[in-house]
N, C-alpha and C. Protein backbone atom coordinates (compact mmCIF):
# COMPACT_ATOMS: atom_id res chain seq x y z
N MET A 1 -132.74 -155.65 -227.60
CA MET A 1 -133.74 -155.86 -226.79
C MET A 1 -133.72 -157.42 -226.52
N LYS A 2 -134.14 -158.02 -227.70
CA LYS A 2 -134.41 -159.38 -227.28
C LYS A 2 -133.27 -160.76 -227.15
N MET A 3 -132.14 -159.99 -227.46
CA MET A 3 -130.58 -160.36 -227.22
C MET A 3 -130.60 -160.69 -225.73
N THR A 4 -130.77 -159.42 -225.29
CA THR A 4 -130.77 -158.98 -223.31
C THR A 4 -131.32 -159.25 -222.66
N ILE A 5 -132.73 -159.77 -222.63
CA ILE A 5 -133.44 -160.28 -222.22
C ILE A 5 -133.70 -162.36 -222.30
N LYS A 6 -132.72 -162.70 -223.51
CA LYS A 6 -132.96 -163.71 -223.78
C LYS A 6 -131.59 -164.04 -222.54
N THR A 7 -130.40 -163.09 -222.77
CA THR A 7 -129.43 -163.76 -221.77
C THR A 7 -129.66 -163.31 -220.56
N THR A 8 -130.81 -162.49 -219.87
CA THR A 8 -130.71 -162.28 -218.68
C THR A 8 -131.76 -163.84 -218.27
N ILE A 9 -132.51 -164.30 -218.90
CA ILE A 9 -133.05 -165.49 -218.67
C ILE A 9 -132.24 -166.84 -218.49
N ALA A 10 -131.38 -166.85 -219.46
CA ALA A 10 -130.48 -167.67 -219.26
C ALA A 10 -129.59 -167.32 -218.29
N ALA A 11 -128.97 -166.37 -218.02
CA ALA A 11 -127.67 -165.99 -216.87
C ALA A 11 -129.22 -166.37 -215.31
N ALA A 12 -130.08 -165.99 -215.63
CA ALA A 12 -131.06 -166.28 -214.48
C ALA A 12 -131.12 -167.77 -214.18
N ALA A 13 -131.58 -168.49 -215.25
CA ALA A 13 -131.27 -170.18 -215.26
C ALA A 13 -130.28 -170.83 -214.79
N LEU A 14 -129.22 -170.29 -214.79
CA LEU A 14 -128.62 -170.76 -214.60
C LEU A 14 -127.62 -170.56 -213.38
N SER A 15 -128.17 -169.88 -212.75
CA SER A 15 -127.46 -169.32 -211.55
C SER A 15 -128.38 -169.90 -210.33
N VAL A 16 -130.09 -170.45 -210.90
CA VAL A 16 -130.86 -170.96 -209.98
C VAL A 16 -130.10 -172.69 -210.24
N SER A 17 -130.09 -172.85 -211.31
CA SER A 17 -129.03 -174.17 -211.52
C SER A 17 -127.73 -174.55 -210.56
N ALA A 18 -127.26 -173.64 -210.63
CA ALA A 18 -125.92 -173.75 -210.35
C ALA A 18 -126.39 -173.63 -208.17
N ALA A 19 -127.07 -172.74 -207.95
CA ALA A 19 -127.69 -172.95 -206.42
C ALA A 19 -128.07 -173.56 -205.74
N SER A 20 -128.92 -174.85 -207.50
CA SER A 20 -129.52 -176.08 -206.58
C SER A 20 -128.27 -177.31 -206.51
N ALA A 21 -127.46 -177.23 -207.45
CA ALA A 21 -126.22 -178.17 -207.53
C ALA A 21 -125.42 -178.17 -206.21
N GLN A 22 -125.37 -176.75 -205.51
CA GLN A 22 -124.40 -176.64 -204.92
C GLN A 22 -125.13 -176.45 -203.09
N ALA A 23 -126.23 -177.70 -202.89
CA ALA A 23 -127.00 -177.99 -202.02
C ALA A 23 -125.97 -178.27 -200.62
N ASN A 24 -125.96 -177.71 -199.76
CA ASN A 24 -125.06 -178.05 -198.44
C ASN A 24 -125.24 -178.93 -197.92
N THR A 25 -125.69 -180.25 -198.38
CA THR A 25 -126.30 -180.81 -196.32
C THR A 25 -125.05 -181.22 -195.75
N ILE A 26 -125.69 -181.84 -194.37
CA ILE A 26 -124.65 -182.00 -193.58
C ILE A 26 -123.12 -182.65 -194.14
N VAL A 27 -123.09 -183.62 -194.63
CA VAL A 27 -122.07 -184.62 -195.37
C VAL A 27 -121.60 -183.78 -196.04
N ASP A 28 -122.21 -182.89 -197.14
CA ASP A 28 -121.44 -182.04 -197.62
C ASP A 28 -120.24 -181.09 -196.95
N ILE A 29 -120.37 -180.87 -196.06
CA ILE A 29 -120.19 -180.05 -195.03
C ILE A 29 -118.90 -180.37 -194.53
N ALA A 30 -119.40 -181.11 -193.78
CA ALA A 30 -118.40 -181.90 -193.05
C ALA A 30 -117.20 -182.56 -194.29
N ALA A 31 -117.94 -183.30 -195.33
CA ALA A 31 -116.78 -183.66 -196.76
C ALA A 31 -115.98 -182.57 -197.23
N GLY A 32 -116.48 -181.47 -197.07
CA GLY A 32 -115.38 -180.26 -197.44
C GLY A 32 -114.52 -179.75 -196.26
N ASP A 33 -114.25 -180.37 -195.17
CA ASP A 33 -113.99 -179.72 -194.27
C ASP A 33 -113.06 -180.66 -193.51
N GLU A 34 -111.93 -180.68 -193.81
CA GLU A 34 -110.58 -181.54 -193.28
C GLU A 34 -110.43 -181.86 -192.05
N ARG A 35 -110.72 -181.15 -191.15
CA ARG A 35 -111.13 -181.22 -189.65
C ARG A 35 -111.82 -182.56 -189.22
N PHE A 36 -112.91 -183.16 -190.32
CA PHE A 36 -113.84 -184.40 -190.18
C PHE A 36 -113.71 -185.21 -190.54
N SER A 37 -112.72 -185.19 -191.18
CA SER A 37 -112.22 -186.03 -192.16
C SER A 37 -112.24 -187.79 -191.49
N THR A 38 -111.81 -188.18 -190.13
CA THR A 38 -112.34 -189.30 -189.48
C THR A 38 -113.59 -189.45 -189.05
N LEU A 39 -114.44 -188.38 -189.07
CA LEU A 39 -115.74 -188.49 -188.82
C LEU A 39 -116.64 -188.94 -190.27
N VAL A 40 -115.96 -188.32 -191.05
CA VAL A 40 -116.90 -188.46 -192.75
C VAL A 40 -116.49 -190.08 -193.27
N ALA A 41 -115.10 -190.87 -192.18
CA ALA A 41 -115.15 -191.97 -192.86
C ALA A 41 -116.06 -192.85 -191.68
N ALA A 42 -116.22 -192.19 -190.68
CA ALA A 42 -116.81 -193.18 -190.17
C ALA A 42 -118.39 -193.15 -190.62
N VAL A 43 -118.74 -191.94 -190.76
CA VAL A 43 -120.33 -192.55 -191.54
C VAL A 43 -120.39 -192.67 -192.28
N THR A 44 -119.79 -192.87 -193.40
CA THR A 44 -119.29 -194.07 -194.37
C THR A 44 -119.24 -195.18 -194.32
N ALA A 45 -118.62 -195.39 -193.81
CA ALA A 45 -118.23 -196.97 -192.98
C ALA A 45 -119.22 -197.96 -192.03
N ALA A 46 -120.36 -196.45 -191.31
CA ALA A 46 -121.32 -197.09 -191.02
C ALA A 46 -122.44 -197.33 -191.79
N GLY A 47 -122.66 -196.39 -193.67
CA GLY A 47 -123.95 -196.24 -193.90
C GLY A 47 -124.81 -195.38 -193.89
N LEU A 48 -124.10 -194.17 -193.15
CA LEU A 48 -125.04 -193.13 -192.56
C LEU A 48 -125.19 -191.65 -193.68
N ALA A 49 -124.00 -192.01 -195.08
CA ALA A 49 -123.51 -190.50 -195.49
C ALA A 49 -125.19 -190.36 -196.11
N GLU A 50 -125.83 -191.65 -196.58
CA GLU A 50 -127.15 -191.14 -197.23
C GLU A 50 -128.04 -190.58 -196.76
N THR A 51 -128.43 -191.47 -195.48
CA THR A 51 -129.75 -190.73 -194.29
C THR A 51 -128.80 -189.09 -193.81
N LEU A 52 -127.78 -189.17 -193.95
CA LEU A 52 -127.60 -187.49 -192.90
C LEU A 52 -127.42 -186.26 -194.34
N SER A 53 -127.43 -186.68 -195.32
CA SER A 53 -127.42 -186.20 -196.76
C SER A 53 -129.24 -185.95 -197.00
N GLY A 54 -130.02 -186.63 -196.36
CA GLY A 54 -131.75 -186.55 -196.64
C GLY A 54 -131.96 -184.90 -195.94
N PRO A 55 -133.24 -185.15 -196.00
CA PRO A 55 -133.90 -184.08 -196.06
C PRO A 55 -133.92 -183.34 -194.45
N GLY A 56 -133.34 -184.51 -193.39
CA GLY A 56 -133.96 -183.90 -192.16
C GLY A 56 -135.26 -183.58 -191.30
N PRO A 57 -134.96 -182.67 -190.61
CA PRO A 57 -133.81 -182.08 -189.92
C PRO A 57 -133.00 -182.77 -189.11
N PHE A 58 -131.76 -182.43 -188.83
CA PHE A 58 -130.93 -182.68 -188.19
C PHE A 58 -129.90 -181.72 -187.43
N THR A 59 -129.71 -182.31 -185.65
CA THR A 59 -128.41 -181.45 -185.32
C THR A 59 -127.47 -182.32 -185.03
N VAL A 60 -126.04 -181.71 -185.60
CA VAL A 60 -125.02 -183.07 -185.76
C VAL A 60 -123.92 -182.80 -184.80
N TYR A 61 -123.61 -183.11 -183.72
CA TYR A 61 -122.94 -183.21 -182.64
C TYR A 61 -121.61 -183.29 -183.16
N ALA A 62 -120.31 -182.82 -184.29
CA ALA A 62 -119.36 -183.44 -184.70
C ALA A 62 -118.44 -182.94 -184.31
N PRO A 63 -117.59 -184.18 -184.17
CA PRO A 63 -116.47 -184.16 -183.29
C PRO A 63 -115.32 -183.45 -184.33
N VAL A 64 -114.37 -182.95 -184.13
CA VAL A 64 -113.09 -183.02 -184.86
C VAL A 64 -112.37 -184.49 -184.56
N ASN A 65 -111.39 -184.54 -185.48
CA ASN A 65 -109.68 -185.43 -185.89
C ASN A 65 -109.38 -185.41 -184.24
N ASP A 66 -109.03 -184.32 -183.86
CA ASP A 66 -108.51 -184.58 -182.61
C ASP A 66 -109.64 -185.10 -181.32
N ALA A 67 -110.93 -185.00 -181.78
CA ALA A 67 -111.44 -185.80 -180.52
C ALA A 67 -111.39 -187.61 -180.74
N PHE A 68 -111.43 -187.86 -182.65
CA PHE A 68 -111.42 -188.80 -182.22
C PHE A 68 -109.65 -189.72 -181.70
N ALA A 69 -108.65 -188.77 -182.15
CA ALA A 69 -107.21 -189.04 -181.85
C ALA A 69 -107.20 -189.37 -180.26
N ALA A 70 -107.86 -188.84 -179.62
CA ALA A 70 -107.93 -188.67 -177.92
C ALA A 70 -108.65 -190.33 -177.66
N LEU A 71 -109.27 -190.75 -178.25
CA LEU A 71 -109.66 -191.94 -177.87
C LEU A 71 -108.81 -192.99 -177.47
N PRO A 72 -109.08 -194.00 -176.54
CA PRO A 72 -107.87 -195.04 -176.23
C PRO A 72 -107.65 -195.79 -178.10
N GLU A 73 -106.35 -195.88 -177.99
CA GLU A 73 -105.22 -196.62 -179.02
C GLU A 73 -106.22 -197.62 -179.86
N GLY A 74 -106.31 -196.92 -180.79
CA GLY A 74 -107.05 -198.60 -181.47
C GLY A 74 -108.19 -198.49 -181.65
N THR A 75 -109.08 -197.27 -180.82
CA THR A 75 -110.32 -197.73 -180.65
C THR A 75 -111.26 -197.25 -182.33
N VAL A 76 -110.82 -196.22 -182.57
CA VAL A 76 -110.98 -195.81 -184.13
C VAL A 76 -110.88 -196.84 -185.23
N GLU A 77 -110.08 -197.31 -185.35
CA GLU A 77 -109.99 -198.65 -186.38
C GLU A 77 -110.55 -200.06 -186.16
N THR A 78 -110.46 -199.83 -184.78
CA THR A 78 -111.78 -201.17 -184.04
C THR A 78 -112.97 -200.89 -184.91
N LEU A 79 -113.84 -199.51 -184.43
CA LEU A 79 -114.77 -199.52 -184.92
C LEU A 79 -115.45 -199.50 -186.13
N LEU A 80 -114.09 -199.13 -187.36
CA LEU A 80 -114.39 -198.68 -188.43
C LEU A 80 -114.54 -200.25 -189.20
N LYS A 81 -113.95 -201.15 -188.82
CA LYS A 81 -114.23 -202.68 -188.90
C LYS A 81 -115.36 -203.11 -189.23
N PRO A 82 -115.87 -203.86 -189.99
CA PRO A 82 -116.48 -203.92 -190.88
C PRO A 82 -118.44 -204.93 -189.85
N GLU A 83 -117.13 -205.89 -189.05
CA GLU A 83 -117.25 -206.83 -187.95
C GLU A 83 -118.60 -205.74 -186.48
N ASN A 84 -117.56 -204.34 -186.60
CA ASN A 84 -118.13 -203.62 -185.49
C ASN A 84 -119.46 -202.45 -185.82
N LYS A 85 -119.88 -202.44 -187.33
CA LYS A 85 -120.88 -201.41 -188.22
C LYS A 85 -121.79 -201.19 -187.11
N ASP A 86 -122.67 -202.33 -186.42
CA ASP A 86 -123.32 -201.65 -185.26
C ASP A 86 -123.52 -201.18 -184.27
N GLN A 87 -122.14 -201.21 -183.44
CA GLN A 87 -121.86 -200.24 -182.57
C GLN A 87 -121.03 -198.98 -183.27
N LEU A 88 -120.25 -199.06 -184.42
CA LEU A 88 -120.15 -197.55 -184.75
C LEU A 88 -121.55 -196.89 -185.03
N THR A 89 -122.17 -197.33 -185.81
CA THR A 89 -124.02 -196.82 -185.29
C THR A 89 -124.36 -196.03 -184.56
N ASN A 90 -124.15 -196.99 -183.49
CA ASN A 90 -124.54 -196.36 -182.30
C ASN A 90 -124.05 -195.17 -181.58
N VAL A 91 -122.46 -195.41 -181.59
CA VAL A 91 -121.98 -194.50 -181.10
C VAL A 91 -122.25 -192.78 -182.06
N LEU A 92 -122.21 -193.19 -183.69
CA LEU A 92 -122.99 -191.81 -184.15
C LEU A 92 -124.07 -191.42 -183.93
N LEU A 93 -125.01 -192.26 -184.26
CA LEU A 93 -126.47 -191.72 -183.93
C LEU A 93 -126.54 -191.14 -182.66
N TYR A 94 -125.48 -191.10 -181.64
CA TYR A 94 -125.29 -190.43 -180.40
C TYR A 94 -125.30 -189.33 -180.89
N HIS A 95 -124.93 -188.69 -181.40
CA HIS A 95 -124.32 -187.41 -181.91
C HIS A 95 -125.45 -186.72 -182.72
N VAL A 96 -126.73 -187.44 -183.16
CA VAL A 96 -127.37 -186.55 -184.07
C VAL A 96 -129.08 -186.60 -182.92
N ASP A 97 -129.50 -185.28 -183.59
CA ASP A 97 -130.69 -185.75 -183.08
C ASP A 97 -131.99 -184.96 -184.33
N ASP A 98 -133.21 -185.35 -184.03
CA ASP A 98 -134.46 -185.53 -185.51
C ASP A 98 -134.70 -184.21 -185.02
N ARG A 99 -134.06 -182.72 -184.78
CA ARG A 99 -134.24 -181.51 -185.03
C ARG A 99 -133.41 -180.55 -185.34
N LYS A 100 -133.89 -179.51 -185.82
CA LYS A 100 -132.56 -178.63 -185.53
C LYS A 100 -132.73 -177.75 -185.12
N LEU A 101 -131.81 -178.03 -184.15
CA LEU A 101 -131.35 -177.16 -182.68
C LEU A 101 -130.17 -175.97 -182.83
N THR A 102 -130.59 -175.21 -183.09
CA THR A 102 -130.06 -173.86 -183.07
C THR A 102 -129.27 -173.52 -181.39
N ALA A 103 -128.03 -172.97 -181.31
CA ALA A 103 -127.24 -172.75 -179.83
C ALA A 103 -128.57 -171.90 -179.08
N GLU A 104 -128.99 -170.69 -180.23
CA GLU A 104 -130.00 -170.19 -179.19
C GLU A 104 -131.43 -170.81 -178.58
N MET A 105 -131.71 -172.34 -179.47
CA MET A 105 -132.90 -172.88 -178.72
C MET A 105 -132.24 -173.68 -177.45
N ILE A 106 -131.09 -173.91 -177.52
CA ILE A 106 -131.01 -174.91 -175.93
C ILE A 106 -130.93 -173.97 -174.89
N PRO A 107 -132.27 -174.29 -174.31
CA PRO A 107 -132.54 -173.57 -172.78
C PRO A 107 -131.12 -173.92 -171.68
N ALA A 108 -131.15 -172.58 -171.41
CA ALA A 108 -130.03 -172.26 -170.13
C ALA A 108 -130.25 -172.85 -169.38
N GLY A 109 -129.24 -173.29 -168.57
CA GLY A 109 -128.79 -174.54 -167.60
C GLY A 109 -128.92 -175.62 -168.37
N SER A 110 -129.23 -177.16 -167.53
CA SER A 110 -128.57 -178.40 -167.45
C SER A 110 -130.14 -178.89 -168.45
N ASN A 111 -130.08 -179.58 -169.53
CA ASN A 111 -131.44 -180.30 -169.63
C ASN A 111 -130.84 -181.67 -170.59
N TYR A 112 -131.76 -182.44 -170.39
CA TYR A 112 -131.91 -183.65 -170.72
C TYR A 112 -131.98 -183.67 -172.69
N PHE A 113 -131.30 -184.23 -173.59
CA PHE A 113 -132.09 -183.89 -174.81
C PHE A 113 -131.50 -185.42 -175.67
N LYS A 114 -132.96 -186.03 -176.28
CA LYS A 114 -132.66 -187.72 -176.49
C LYS A 114 -132.23 -187.65 -178.01
N PRO A 115 -131.07 -188.09 -178.51
CA PRO A 115 -130.37 -188.00 -179.45
C PRO A 115 -131.27 -189.52 -180.18
N ILE A 116 -131.21 -189.46 -181.72
CA ILE A 116 -131.74 -190.76 -182.43
C ILE A 116 -131.24 -192.01 -181.86
N LEU A 117 -130.23 -192.60 -181.37
CA LEU A 117 -130.02 -193.33 -180.70
C LEU A 117 -131.06 -193.54 -179.29
N ALA A 118 -132.16 -194.20 -179.70
CA ALA A 118 -133.18 -194.44 -178.54
C ALA A 118 -132.63 -194.86 -176.95
N SER A 119 -131.63 -195.69 -177.11
CA SER A 119 -131.23 -195.88 -175.74
C SER A 119 -130.76 -194.89 -174.74
N GLY A 120 -130.02 -193.99 -175.81
CA GLY A 120 -129.57 -192.70 -175.34
C GLY A 120 -130.03 -191.40 -174.92
N ARG A 121 -129.07 -190.59 -173.41
CA ARG A 121 -129.23 -189.54 -173.37
C ARG A 121 -128.31 -188.65 -173.36
N LEU A 122 -128.29 -186.82 -173.45
CA LEU A 122 -127.41 -186.44 -173.41
C LEU A 122 -127.55 -185.52 -172.55
N CYS A 123 -126.65 -184.83 -172.01
CA CYS A 123 -127.40 -183.31 -170.92
C CYS A 123 -126.41 -182.50 -171.42
N ILE A 124 -127.33 -181.48 -171.75
CA ILE A 124 -126.54 -180.28 -172.59
C ILE A 124 -126.92 -179.13 -171.44
N THR A 125 -125.90 -178.28 -171.19
CA THR A 125 -125.72 -177.31 -170.84
C THR A 125 -125.18 -175.83 -171.13
N ALA A 126 -126.09 -175.22 -171.07
CA ALA A 126 -125.69 -173.79 -172.37
C ALA A 126 -125.56 -172.92 -170.80
N GLY A 127 -124.54 -171.95 -171.04
CA GLY A 127 -124.73 -170.70 -169.64
C GLY A 127 -123.68 -170.14 -170.49
N ALA A 128 -123.66 -169.17 -169.57
CA ALA A 128 -122.49 -167.86 -170.53
C ALA A 128 -121.09 -168.23 -170.74
N GLU A 129 -120.64 -169.25 -170.02
CA GLU A 129 -119.14 -169.95 -171.07
C GLU A 129 -119.52 -170.80 -172.22
N GLY A 130 -120.68 -170.95 -172.71
CA GLY A 130 -120.95 -171.57 -173.97
C GLY A 130 -121.92 -172.91 -173.54
N VAL A 131 -121.67 -173.79 -174.29
CA VAL A 131 -122.31 -174.95 -174.75
C VAL A 131 -121.74 -175.91 -174.57
N SER A 132 -121.83 -176.92 -173.33
CA SER A 132 -121.19 -178.29 -173.02
C SER A 132 -122.28 -179.38 -173.13
N ILE A 133 -121.52 -180.57 -173.28
CA ILE A 133 -122.60 -181.64 -173.93
C ILE A 133 -122.27 -183.34 -172.64
N ALA A 134 -122.97 -183.23 -171.40
CA ALA A 134 -122.08 -184.91 -170.84
C ALA A 134 -122.98 -186.20 -171.78
N ASP A 135 -121.79 -186.70 -171.85
CA ASP A 135 -122.37 -188.14 -172.76
C ASP A 135 -122.94 -189.30 -171.62
N GLY A 136 -122.61 -190.40 -171.85
CA GLY A 136 -123.12 -191.56 -171.03
C GLY A 136 -122.27 -191.70 -169.94
N THR A 137 -121.14 -191.61 -170.26
CA THR A 137 -119.76 -192.14 -169.32
C THR A 137 -119.55 -190.85 -168.66
N GLY A 138 -120.41 -190.04 -168.52
CA GLY A 138 -120.04 -188.81 -167.93
C GLY A 138 -118.93 -187.88 -168.04
N GLU A 139 -118.11 -187.67 -169.02
CA GLU A 139 -117.42 -187.08 -170.25
C GLU A 139 -117.87 -186.10 -170.54
N VAL A 140 -117.34 -184.96 -170.56
CA VAL A 140 -117.82 -183.18 -171.10
C VAL A 140 -117.33 -183.46 -172.51
N ALA A 141 -117.72 -182.54 -173.41
CA ALA A 141 -117.41 -181.92 -174.68
C ALA A 141 -117.89 -181.05 -174.69
N ASN A 142 -117.01 -179.89 -175.21
CA ASN A 142 -117.55 -178.57 -175.20
C ASN A 142 -117.44 -178.25 -176.71
N VAL A 143 -118.83 -176.76 -176.83
CA VAL A 143 -119.06 -177.14 -178.13
C VAL A 143 -117.87 -175.64 -178.72
N ILE A 144 -116.96 -176.18 -179.68
CA ILE A 144 -116.04 -174.67 -179.62
C ILE A 144 -117.00 -174.01 -181.15
N ILE A 145 -117.84 -174.68 -181.87
CA ILE A 145 -118.16 -174.29 -182.81
C ILE A 145 -119.80 -174.27 -183.10
N ALA A 146 -120.65 -173.11 -182.69
CA ALA A 146 -121.96 -173.66 -183.15
C ALA A 146 -122.36 -173.22 -184.44
N ASP A 147 -123.48 -173.74 -184.54
CA ASP A 147 -124.73 -173.31 -185.79
C ASP A 147 -124.12 -173.35 -186.97
N ILE A 148 -123.31 -173.80 -187.50
CA ILE A 148 -122.90 -174.26 -189.21
C ILE A 148 -124.53 -174.74 -189.79
N GLN A 149 -124.85 -173.60 -190.56
CA GLN A 149 -125.85 -173.93 -191.09
C GLN A 149 -125.72 -174.55 -192.13
N ALA A 150 -126.64 -176.37 -192.06
CA ALA A 150 -126.66 -176.98 -193.53
C ALA A 150 -127.92 -176.76 -193.99
N ASP A 151 -128.43 -177.11 -195.51
CA ASP A 151 -129.59 -177.64 -196.48
C ASP A 151 -130.55 -178.35 -195.50
N ASN A 152 -130.02 -178.96 -194.59
CA ASN A 152 -130.88 -180.50 -193.79
C ASN A 152 -130.87 -180.52 -192.60
N GLY A 153 -130.29 -179.06 -191.86
CA GLY A 153 -130.18 -179.11 -190.54
C GLY A 153 -129.01 -178.07 -190.30
N VAL A 154 -128.36 -177.92 -188.53
CA VAL A 154 -127.47 -177.67 -188.33
C VAL A 154 -125.78 -178.16 -187.44
N ILE A 155 -124.86 -177.75 -187.68
CA ILE A 155 -123.92 -178.82 -187.07
C ILE A 155 -123.06 -177.81 -185.59
N HIS A 156 -123.33 -178.59 -184.80
CA HIS A 156 -122.29 -178.15 -183.24
C HIS A 156 -120.86 -178.77 -183.52
N VAL A 157 -119.94 -178.03 -183.38
CA VAL A 157 -118.29 -178.46 -183.50
C VAL A 157 -118.17 -179.00 -182.16
N VAL A 158 -118.07 -179.83 -181.79
CA VAL A 158 -117.60 -180.38 -180.20
C VAL A 158 -115.82 -181.16 -180.14
N ASP A 159 -115.81 -181.17 -179.12
CA ASP A 159 -114.27 -181.25 -178.78
C ASP A 159 -114.11 -182.46 -178.42
N LYS A 160 -114.72 -183.20 -178.30
CA LYS A 160 -114.74 -184.69 -177.93
C LYS A 160 -116.13 -185.69 -178.34
N VAL A 161 -115.55 -186.55 -178.77
CA VAL A 161 -116.38 -187.88 -179.62
C VAL A 161 -117.06 -188.59 -177.86
N LEU A 162 -118.86 -188.07 -178.45
CA LEU A 162 -119.68 -188.74 -177.72
C LEU A 162 -119.91 -189.94 -177.60
N LEU A 163 -119.88 -190.51 -176.32
CA LEU A 163 -120.09 -192.16 -175.74
C LEU A 163 -121.45 -192.70 -175.21
N PRO A 164 -122.10 -193.52 -175.48
CA PRO A 164 -123.27 -193.86 -174.89
C PRO A 164 -122.75 -195.01 -173.69
N GLY A 165 -124.10 -194.70 -173.34
CA GLY A 165 -123.61 -195.25 -171.48
C GLY A 165 -124.89 -194.71 -170.50
N ALA A 166 -124.78 -195.37 -169.18
CA ALA A 166 -125.57 -195.15 -168.23
C ALA A 166 -126.13 -193.14 -168.83
N ARG A 167 -127.35 -193.33 -168.36
CA ARG A 167 -127.66 -192.10 -168.28
C ARG A 167 -126.54 -190.38 -167.68
N PRO A 168 -126.13 -189.79 -168.41
CA PRO A 168 -125.01 -188.73 -167.84
C PRO A 168 -126.27 -187.90 -166.92
N ALA A 169 -125.70 -187.63 -166.21
CA ALA A 169 -125.83 -186.51 -164.53
C ALA A 169 -125.99 -185.00 -165.47
N CYS A 170 -127.16 -184.70 -165.01
CA CYS A 170 -127.54 -183.31 -165.17
C CYS A 170 -127.50 -182.35 -164.24
N HIS A 171 -126.20 -181.74 -164.08
CA HIS A 171 -126.33 -180.93 -162.61
C HIS A 171 -127.13 -179.45 -162.99
């Protein structure tokens, strides 16, 4: 009987330590998914991996590799250069909100949202067709996967890199 209790306690302790060792931050989830390898490289180059692994909460509008590939030739390579770290950081912070916003928390219609990039605004539209995000250039990204839950927030996968610029028009 004593051996069974000790075994049970040991097993419980192991499962608790395994659960805490498997914390899934936004960075952990992105790093474990090949579709985000360009985003992870950019977050690392900008020195934001530690921040986005922190307690949050964060909402990240995470572009897939194809979204980065759709940028003009050489854009990603230029942004990843050390001398362009500030510009890269601004682009990345434009994809992050300092709240946890699940898809159901986004009100119907078009509304302005303020990302961490203080000078920027996003126009997020929620409707029957899903959620879309207009950036500062007037281009629109679609949320193609919503509500990937992380320990420190939520990820919404988008099909376009959001770029800061003049305030987007909300319709």
